[in-house]
């Protein structure tokens, strides 16, 4: 309990004042602030930093890799902590599954091509993957035939 008091000293001080947004319920710190106007008012656990990443990952994974706003909405239904929105965004930016399936893939930047000073000085090739041996195209790519 002492480490939680050290992590949120100002919130613990607020909890001691009954008219404030924080409350101590059975020795656990809760916030009575609503995350948005449409949310009902009920106690939300002030989550210690040691649990945040695992909660974000679990909610994000269990609800099907939802977008940042949907994940944020689910988490703020039950939890609150200082910097919650920034933490959720930063954590979800590291999600490999979301990066692969993103609607906004990163585009490669165009670069300036060097100018050749004589024919065949610069040769370009499109790589399409491995071709099966014995196909007519394989003799072109492998130099056989």
N, C-alpha and C. Protein backbone atom coordinates (compact mmCIF):
# COMPACT_ATOMS: atom_id res chain seq x y z
N UNK A 1 0.83 -1.18 0.00
CA UNK A 1 0.00 0.00 0.00
C UNK A 1 0.87 1.25 0.00
N UNK A 2 2.03 1.17 0.60
CA UNK A 2 2.90 2.32 0.66
C UNK A 2 3.39 2.72 -0.73
N UNK A 3 3.69 1.73 -1.61
CA UNK A 3 4.17 2.06 -2.94
C UNK A 3 3.08 2.76 -3.75
N UNK A 4 1.83 2.36 -3.56
CA UNK A 4 0.73 3.04 -4.26
C UNK A 4 0.60 4.47 -3.78
N UNK A 5 0.81 4.69 -2.49
CA UNK A 5 0.75 6.05 -1.95
C UNK A 5 1.89 6.89 -2.52
N UNK A 6 3.05 6.29 -2.70
CA UNK A 6 4.18 7.03 -3.26
C UNK A 6 3.98 7.33 -4.74
N UNK A 7 3.28 6.47 -5.47
CA UNK A 7 3.08 6.67 -6.90
C UNK A 7 2.06 7.78 -7.18
N UNK A 8 1.02 7.90 -6.33
CA UNK A 8 -0.03 8.89 -6.53
C UNK A 8 -0.24 9.71 -5.26
N UNK A 9 0.78 10.44 -4.79
CA UNK A 9 0.60 11.15 -3.52
C UNK A 9 -0.50 12.21 -3.55
N UNK A 10 -0.62 12.93 -4.67
CA UNK A 10 -1.65 13.97 -4.75
C UNK A 10 -3.06 13.38 -4.80
N UNK A 11 -3.21 12.23 -5.47
CA UNK A 11 -4.52 11.58 -5.54
C UNK A 11 -4.92 11.00 -4.18
N UNK A 12 -3.93 10.47 -3.45
CA UNK A 12 -4.22 9.95 -2.11
C UNK A 12 -4.65 11.09 -1.19
N UNK A 13 -4.00 12.24 -1.36
CA UNK A 13 -4.37 13.41 -0.55
C UNK A 13 -5.79 13.85 -0.90
N UNK A 14 -6.14 13.81 -2.17
CA UNK A 14 -7.50 14.17 -2.59
C UNK A 14 -8.52 13.18 -2.03
N UNK A 15 -8.14 11.92 -1.95
CA UNK A 15 -9.06 10.89 -1.47
C UNK A 15 -9.42 11.10 -0.01
N UNK A 16 -8.52 11.71 0.73
CA UNK A 16 -8.80 11.97 2.14
C UNK A 16 -9.87 13.05 2.31
N UNK A 17 -9.99 13.94 1.32
CA UNK A 17 -11.03 14.97 1.32
C UNK A 17 -12.27 14.38 0.68
N UNK A 18 -13.32 14.21 1.42
CA UNK A 18 -14.52 13.51 0.94
C UNK A 18 -15.23 14.24 -0.21
N UNK A 19 -15.00 15.54 -0.37
CA UNK A 19 -15.68 16.29 -1.42
C UNK A 19 -14.96 16.23 -2.75
N UNK A 20 -13.85 15.53 -2.81
CA UNK A 20 -13.04 15.52 -4.03
C UNK A 20 -13.37 14.34 -4.94
N UNK A 21 -12.67 14.28 -6.10
CA UNK A 21 -12.95 13.27 -7.12
C UNK A 21 -12.39 11.89 -6.80
N UNK A 22 -11.49 11.77 -5.86
CA UNK A 22 -10.88 10.47 -5.52
C UNK A 22 -11.44 9.95 -4.21
N UNK A 23 -11.53 8.62 -4.13
CA UNK A 23 -12.03 7.97 -2.92
C UNK A 23 -11.19 6.75 -2.59
N UNK A 24 -11.08 6.49 -1.31
CA UNK A 24 -10.47 5.25 -0.84
C UNK A 24 -11.60 4.29 -0.50
N UNK A 25 -11.63 3.17 -1.19
CA UNK A 25 -12.65 2.16 -0.92
C UNK A 25 -11.91 0.88 -0.54
N UNK A 26 -12.04 0.48 0.71
CA UNK A 26 -11.36 -0.68 1.28
C UNK A 26 -9.85 -0.64 0.99
N UNK A 27 -9.25 0.52 1.17
CA UNK A 27 -7.81 0.68 1.01
C UNK A 27 -7.32 0.79 -0.42
N UNK A 28 -8.24 0.85 -1.37
CA UNK A 28 -7.87 0.96 -2.78
C UNK A 28 -8.33 2.31 -3.30
N UNK A 29 -7.49 2.95 -4.11
CA UNK A 29 -7.76 4.29 -4.62
C UNK A 29 -8.61 4.23 -5.88
N UNK A 30 -9.71 4.97 -5.89
CA UNK A 30 -10.61 5.05 -7.03
C UNK A 30 -10.84 6.52 -7.38
N UNK A 31 -11.14 6.75 -8.64
CA UNK A 31 -11.50 8.08 -9.11
C UNK A 31 -12.98 8.10 -9.45
N UNK A 32 -13.65 9.20 -9.10
CA UNK A 32 -15.07 9.36 -9.41
C UNK A 32 -15.27 10.21 -10.65
N UNK A 33 -14.18 10.68 -11.27
CA UNK A 33 -14.29 11.48 -12.49
C UNK A 33 -14.79 10.60 -13.63
N UNK A 34 -15.64 11.17 -14.47
CA UNK A 34 -16.11 10.44 -15.63
C UNK A 34 -15.19 10.75 -16.80
N UNK A 35 -14.84 9.73 -17.62
CA UNK A 35 -13.91 9.96 -18.73
C UNK A 35 -14.51 10.82 -19.84
N UNK A 36 -15.82 10.78 -20.02
CA UNK A 36 -16.49 11.64 -21.00
C UNK A 36 -17.91 11.89 -20.53
N UNK A 37 -18.59 12.81 -21.18
CA UNK A 37 -19.92 13.24 -20.72
C UNK A 37 -20.97 12.14 -20.79
N UNK A 38 -20.81 11.19 -21.70
CA UNK A 38 -21.83 10.15 -21.84
C UNK A 38 -21.62 8.97 -20.89
N UNK A 39 -20.51 8.96 -20.17
CA UNK A 39 -20.23 7.84 -19.25
C UNK A 39 -20.95 8.03 -17.93
N UNK A 40 -21.43 6.94 -17.34
CA UNK A 40 -22.04 7.04 -16.01
C UNK A 40 -20.97 7.29 -14.95
N UNK A 41 -21.39 7.83 -13.84
CA UNK A 41 -20.44 8.08 -12.75
C UNK A 41 -20.44 6.90 -11.80
N UNK A 42 -19.28 6.28 -11.69
CA UNK A 42 -19.04 5.20 -10.74
C UNK A 42 -17.54 5.15 -10.50
N UNK A 43 -17.10 4.49 -9.45
CA UNK A 43 -15.66 4.47 -9.15
C UNK A 43 -14.86 3.72 -10.21
N UNK A 44 -13.76 4.32 -10.65
CA UNK A 44 -12.83 3.69 -11.59
C UNK A 44 -11.49 3.54 -10.87
N UNK A 45 -10.93 2.36 -10.96
CA UNK A 45 -9.67 2.06 -10.28
C UNK A 45 -8.54 2.91 -10.82
N UNK A 46 -7.77 3.54 -9.93
CA UNK A 46 -6.55 4.25 -10.33
C UNK A 46 -5.47 3.18 -10.43
N UNK A 47 -5.11 2.84 -11.66
CA UNK A 47 -4.26 1.69 -11.93
C UNK A 47 -2.78 2.03 -11.74
N UNK A 48 -2.06 1.26 -10.93
CA UNK A 48 -0.62 1.47 -10.76
C UNK A 48 0.13 1.20 -12.06
N UNK A 49 1.27 1.84 -12.23
CA UNK A 49 2.04 1.76 -13.48
C UNK A 49 2.49 0.34 -13.81
N UNK A 50 2.69 -0.50 -12.81
CA UNK A 50 3.18 -1.85 -13.06
C UNK A 50 2.15 -2.72 -13.80
N UNK A 51 0.88 -2.33 -13.80
CA UNK A 51 -0.17 -3.12 -14.45
C UNK A 51 -0.64 -2.54 -15.78
N UNK A 52 -0.24 -1.35 -16.11
CA UNK A 52 -0.82 -0.64 -17.25
C UNK A 52 -0.60 -1.33 -18.59
N UNK A 53 0.64 -1.71 -18.89
CA UNK A 53 0.91 -2.34 -20.18
C UNK A 53 0.14 -3.64 -20.35
N UNK A 54 0.07 -4.44 -19.30
CA UNK A 54 -0.64 -5.71 -19.42
C UNK A 54 -2.14 -5.49 -19.59
N UNK A 55 -2.71 -4.47 -18.95
CA UNK A 55 -4.13 -4.17 -19.11
C UNK A 55 -4.40 -3.68 -20.53
N UNK A 56 -3.57 -2.78 -21.03
CA UNK A 56 -3.74 -2.27 -22.40
C UNK A 56 -3.65 -3.42 -23.40
N UNK A 57 -2.63 -4.26 -23.26
CA UNK A 57 -2.45 -5.38 -24.19
C UNK A 57 -3.62 -6.36 -24.12
N UNK A 58 -4.07 -6.67 -22.91
CA UNK A 58 -5.17 -7.63 -22.76
C UNK A 58 -6.46 -7.10 -23.38
N UNK A 59 -6.81 -5.86 -23.08
CA UNK A 59 -8.03 -5.28 -23.64
C UNK A 59 -7.94 -5.22 -25.16
N UNK A 60 -6.80 -4.78 -25.65
CA UNK A 60 -6.61 -4.65 -27.10
C UNK A 60 -6.73 -6.01 -27.80
N UNK A 61 -6.13 -7.03 -27.20
CA UNK A 61 -6.16 -8.37 -27.78
C UNK A 61 -7.55 -9.01 -27.65
N UNK A 62 -8.18 -8.93 -26.49
CA UNK A 62 -9.45 -9.61 -26.25
C UNK A 62 -10.61 -9.00 -27.03
N UNK A 63 -10.51 -7.74 -27.38
CA UNK A 63 -11.58 -7.11 -28.13
C UNK A 63 -11.23 -6.98 -29.61
N UNK A 64 -10.35 -7.82 -30.10
CA UNK A 64 -10.10 -7.95 -31.52
C UNK A 64 -9.29 -6.83 -32.15
N UNK A 65 -8.28 -6.33 -31.47
CA UNK A 65 -7.38 -5.33 -32.02
C UNK A 65 -8.15 -4.13 -32.56
N UNK A 66 -9.02 -3.60 -31.70
CA UNK A 66 -9.81 -2.44 -32.08
C UNK A 66 -8.91 -1.23 -32.26
N UNK A 67 -9.44 -0.21 -32.85
CA UNK A 67 -8.70 1.04 -33.04
C UNK A 67 -8.38 1.68 -31.69
N UNK A 68 -7.55 2.70 -31.73
CA UNK A 68 -7.11 3.36 -30.51
C UNK A 68 -8.30 3.89 -29.70
N UNK A 69 -9.24 4.55 -30.36
CA UNK A 69 -10.37 5.14 -29.63
C UNK A 69 -11.25 4.08 -28.96
N UNK A 70 -11.49 2.97 -29.64
CA UNK A 70 -12.30 1.91 -29.05
C UNK A 70 -11.59 1.26 -27.87
N UNK A 71 -10.30 1.03 -28.01
CA UNK A 71 -9.52 0.46 -26.91
C UNK A 71 -9.51 1.43 -25.73
N UNK A 72 -9.33 2.71 -26.02
CA UNK A 72 -9.31 3.72 -24.97
C UNK A 72 -10.65 3.76 -24.24
N UNK A 73 -11.73 3.67 -25.00
CA UNK A 73 -13.06 3.69 -24.40
C UNK A 73 -13.25 2.50 -23.46
N UNK A 74 -12.84 1.31 -23.90
CA UNK A 74 -12.97 0.11 -23.07
C UNK A 74 -12.16 0.22 -21.78
N UNK A 75 -10.94 0.72 -21.90
CA UNK A 75 -10.08 0.81 -20.72
C UNK A 75 -10.60 1.86 -19.74
N UNK A 76 -11.04 3.01 -20.26
CA UNK A 76 -11.51 4.07 -19.36
C UNK A 76 -12.86 3.76 -18.72
N UNK A 77 -13.52 2.68 -19.16
CA UNK A 77 -14.73 2.24 -18.46
C UNK A 77 -14.41 1.78 -17.04
N UNK A 78 -13.22 1.20 -16.86
CA UNK A 78 -12.90 0.60 -15.56
C UNK A 78 -11.69 1.22 -14.87
N UNK A 79 -10.79 1.85 -15.63
CA UNK A 79 -9.53 2.31 -15.06
C UNK A 79 -9.28 3.78 -15.38
N UNK A 80 -8.41 4.36 -14.58
CA UNK A 80 -7.94 5.72 -14.82
C UNK A 80 -6.53 5.83 -14.25
N UNK A 81 -5.71 6.66 -14.85
CA UNK A 81 -4.39 6.99 -14.32
C UNK A 81 -3.90 8.24 -15.04
N UNK A 82 -2.95 8.95 -14.46
CA UNK A 82 -2.43 10.14 -15.12
C UNK A 82 -1.75 9.78 -16.44
N UNK A 83 -2.11 10.46 -17.53
CA UNK A 83 -1.51 10.21 -18.83
C UNK A 83 -2.07 8.99 -19.53
N UNK A 84 -3.29 8.57 -19.22
CA UNK A 84 -3.86 7.33 -19.75
C UNK A 84 -3.95 7.35 -21.28
N UNK A 85 -4.38 8.45 -21.86
CA UNK A 85 -4.56 8.51 -23.31
C UNK A 85 -3.22 8.38 -24.02
N UNK A 86 -2.23 9.09 -23.54
CA UNK A 86 -0.89 9.03 -24.14
C UNK A 86 -0.31 7.61 -24.03
N UNK A 87 -0.49 6.99 -22.85
CA UNK A 87 0.01 5.62 -22.66
C UNK A 87 -0.63 4.63 -23.61
N UNK A 88 -1.94 4.74 -23.80
CA UNK A 88 -2.65 3.81 -24.68
C UNK A 88 -2.20 4.02 -26.12
N UNK A 89 -2.13 5.26 -26.56
CA UNK A 89 -1.68 5.53 -27.94
C UNK A 89 -0.27 5.00 -28.18
N UNK A 90 0.64 5.28 -27.26
CA UNK A 90 2.03 4.83 -27.42
C UNK A 90 2.12 3.31 -27.46
N UNK A 91 1.36 2.65 -26.62
CA UNK A 91 1.41 1.18 -26.57
C UNK A 91 0.83 0.56 -27.84
N UNK A 92 -0.27 1.12 -28.35
CA UNK A 92 -0.90 0.56 -29.54
C UNK A 92 -0.10 0.86 -30.80
N UNK A 93 0.71 1.90 -30.78
CA UNK A 93 1.59 2.17 -31.92
C UNK A 93 2.64 1.07 -32.07
N UNK A 94 2.90 0.33 -31.00
CA UNK A 94 3.88 -0.75 -31.02
C UNK A 94 3.26 -2.10 -31.39
N UNK A 95 1.96 -2.13 -31.65
CA UNK A 95 1.26 -3.39 -31.94
C UNK A 95 1.57 -3.81 -33.37
N UNK A 96 2.21 -4.96 -33.53
CA UNK A 96 2.57 -5.48 -34.84
C UNK A 96 1.37 -5.84 -35.68
N UNK A 97 0.36 -6.45 -35.07
CA UNK A 97 -0.84 -6.84 -35.82
C UNK A 97 -1.55 -5.61 -36.38
N UNK A 98 -1.62 -4.56 -35.61
CA UNK A 98 -2.27 -3.33 -36.09
C UNK A 98 -1.45 -2.69 -37.21
N UNK A 99 -0.15 -2.74 -37.10
CA UNK A 99 0.70 -2.15 -38.14
C UNK A 99 0.52 -2.88 -39.47
N UNK A 100 0.39 -4.20 -39.41
CA UNK A 100 0.23 -4.99 -40.63
C UNK A 100 -1.12 -4.71 -41.28
N UNK A 101 -2.17 -4.59 -40.47
CA UNK A 101 -3.52 -4.44 -41.00
C UNK A 101 -4.01 -3.00 -41.04
N UNK A 102 -3.11 -2.08 -40.87
CA UNK A 102 -3.48 -0.66 -40.86
C UNK A 102 -4.05 -0.23 -42.20
N UNK A 103 -5.06 0.62 -42.16
CA UNK A 103 -5.63 1.17 -43.38
C UNK A 103 -4.71 2.23 -44.00
N UNK A 104 -3.79 2.70 -43.22
CA UNK A 104 -2.90 3.75 -43.67
C UNK A 104 -1.45 3.25 -43.66
N UNK A 105 -1.10 2.38 -44.60
CA UNK A 105 0.28 1.87 -44.59
C UNK A 105 1.27 2.98 -44.93
N UNK A 106 2.45 2.83 -44.40
CA UNK A 106 3.49 3.81 -44.71
C UNK A 106 3.96 3.59 -46.13
N UNK A 107 4.04 4.65 -46.88
CA UNK A 107 4.50 4.57 -48.26
C UNK A 107 5.99 4.85 -48.32
N UNK A 108 6.64 4.14 -49.20
CA UNK A 108 8.07 4.38 -49.41
C UNK A 108 8.24 5.73 -50.08
N UNK A 109 9.22 6.46 -49.64
CA UNK A 109 9.48 7.76 -50.21
C UNK A 109 10.23 7.60 -51.53
N UNK A 110 9.84 8.39 -52.49
CA UNK A 110 10.54 8.36 -53.78
C UNK A 110 11.92 9.00 -53.60
N UNK A 111 12.87 8.50 -54.30
CA UNK A 111 14.20 9.08 -54.23
C UNK A 111 14.69 9.35 -55.63
N UNK A 112 15.68 10.16 -55.71
CA UNK A 112 16.22 10.53 -57.01
C UNK A 112 17.10 9.41 -57.53
N UNK A 113 16.83 9.02 -58.77
CA UNK A 113 17.61 7.95 -59.39
C UNK A 113 18.91 8.53 -59.95
N UNK A 114 20.01 7.79 -59.83
CA UNK A 114 21.26 8.27 -60.42
C UNK A 114 21.19 8.23 -61.94
N UNK A 115 21.92 9.10 -62.56
CA UNK A 115 21.94 9.17 -64.02
C UNK A 115 23.15 8.38 -64.52
N UNK A 116 22.89 7.45 -65.43
CA UNK A 116 23.97 6.61 -65.97
C UNK A 116 24.79 7.41 -66.98
N UNK A 117 26.08 7.15 -66.99
CA UNK A 117 26.95 7.85 -67.94
C UNK A 117 27.21 6.99 -69.19
N UNK A 118 26.88 5.70 -69.16
CA UNK A 118 27.02 4.84 -70.33
C UNK A 118 25.96 3.74 -70.23
N UNK A 119 25.61 3.08 -71.35
CA UNK A 119 24.56 2.05 -71.36
C UNK A 119 24.90 0.88 -70.43
N UNK A 120 23.88 0.37 -69.77
CA UNK A 120 23.96 -0.78 -68.86
C UNK A 120 24.82 -0.52 -67.62
N UNK A 121 25.12 0.74 -67.33
CA UNK A 121 25.85 1.06 -66.10
C UNK A 121 24.96 0.79 -64.89
N UNK A 122 23.69 1.11 -65.00
CA UNK A 122 22.73 0.90 -63.92
C UNK A 122 21.65 -0.05 -64.44
N UNK A 123 21.43 -1.14 -63.72
CA UNK A 123 20.43 -2.11 -64.12
C UNK A 123 19.44 -2.26 -62.96
N UNK A 124 18.15 -2.24 -63.27
CA UNK A 124 17.12 -2.41 -62.26
C UNK A 124 16.39 -3.72 -62.46
N UNK A 125 15.87 -4.28 -61.40
CA UNK A 125 15.11 -5.53 -61.50
C UNK A 125 13.97 -5.51 -60.50
N UNK A 126 12.83 -6.02 -60.91
CA UNK A 126 11.70 -6.21 -60.01
C UNK A 126 11.79 -7.62 -59.45
N UNK A 127 11.79 -7.74 -58.14
CA UNK A 127 11.87 -9.06 -57.51
C UNK A 127 10.47 -9.55 -57.23
N UNK A 128 10.13 -10.75 -57.74
CA UNK A 128 8.78 -11.27 -57.57
C UNK A 128 8.75 -12.55 -56.75
N UNK A 129 9.86 -13.00 -56.31
CA UNK A 129 9.89 -14.22 -55.52
C UNK A 129 10.54 -15.35 -56.28
N UNK A 130 10.62 -16.51 -55.65
CA UNK A 130 11.30 -17.65 -56.23
C UNK A 130 10.40 -18.34 -57.25
N UNK A 131 10.95 -18.64 -58.43
CA UNK A 131 10.23 -19.37 -59.46
C UNK A 131 10.61 -20.84 -59.39
N UNK A 132 9.68 -21.69 -59.77
CA UNK A 132 9.96 -23.12 -59.74
C UNK A 132 10.92 -23.49 -60.86
N UNK A 133 11.82 -24.42 -60.58
CA UNK A 133 12.78 -24.89 -61.58
C UNK A 133 12.01 -25.68 -62.64
N UNK A 134 12.36 -25.43 -63.89
CA UNK A 134 11.72 -26.14 -64.98
C UNK A 134 10.69 -25.31 -65.71
N UNK A 135 10.31 -24.17 -65.16
CA UNK A 135 9.37 -23.30 -65.88
C UNK A 135 10.15 -22.45 -66.87
N UNK A 136 9.52 -22.01 -67.95
CA UNK A 136 10.22 -21.18 -68.94
C UNK A 136 10.82 -19.91 -68.33
N UNK A 137 10.17 -19.35 -67.32
CA UNK A 137 10.68 -18.13 -66.71
C UNK A 137 11.95 -18.37 -65.91
N UNK A 138 12.14 -19.60 -65.38
CA UNK A 138 13.30 -19.86 -64.54
C UNK A 138 14.60 -19.76 -65.33
N UNK A 139 14.59 -20.08 -66.62
CA UNK A 139 15.80 -19.98 -67.41
C UNK A 139 16.18 -18.52 -67.62
N UNK A 140 15.20 -17.64 -67.62
CA UNK A 140 15.48 -16.22 -67.78
C UNK A 140 16.15 -15.68 -66.53
N UNK A 141 15.63 -16.04 -65.35
CA UNK A 141 16.15 -15.49 -64.11
C UNK A 141 17.42 -16.16 -63.64
N UNK A 142 17.60 -17.45 -63.94
CA UNK A 142 18.78 -18.16 -63.42
C UNK A 142 19.93 -18.16 -64.40
N UNK A 143 19.70 -17.78 -65.65
CA UNK A 143 20.77 -17.77 -66.62
C UNK A 143 20.96 -19.10 -67.31
N UNK A 144 20.16 -20.14 -66.95
CA UNK A 144 20.26 -21.46 -67.60
C UNK A 144 19.52 -21.42 -68.93
N UNK A 145 20.02 -22.17 -69.89
CA UNK A 145 19.27 -22.40 -71.09
C UNK A 145 19.56 -21.42 -72.12
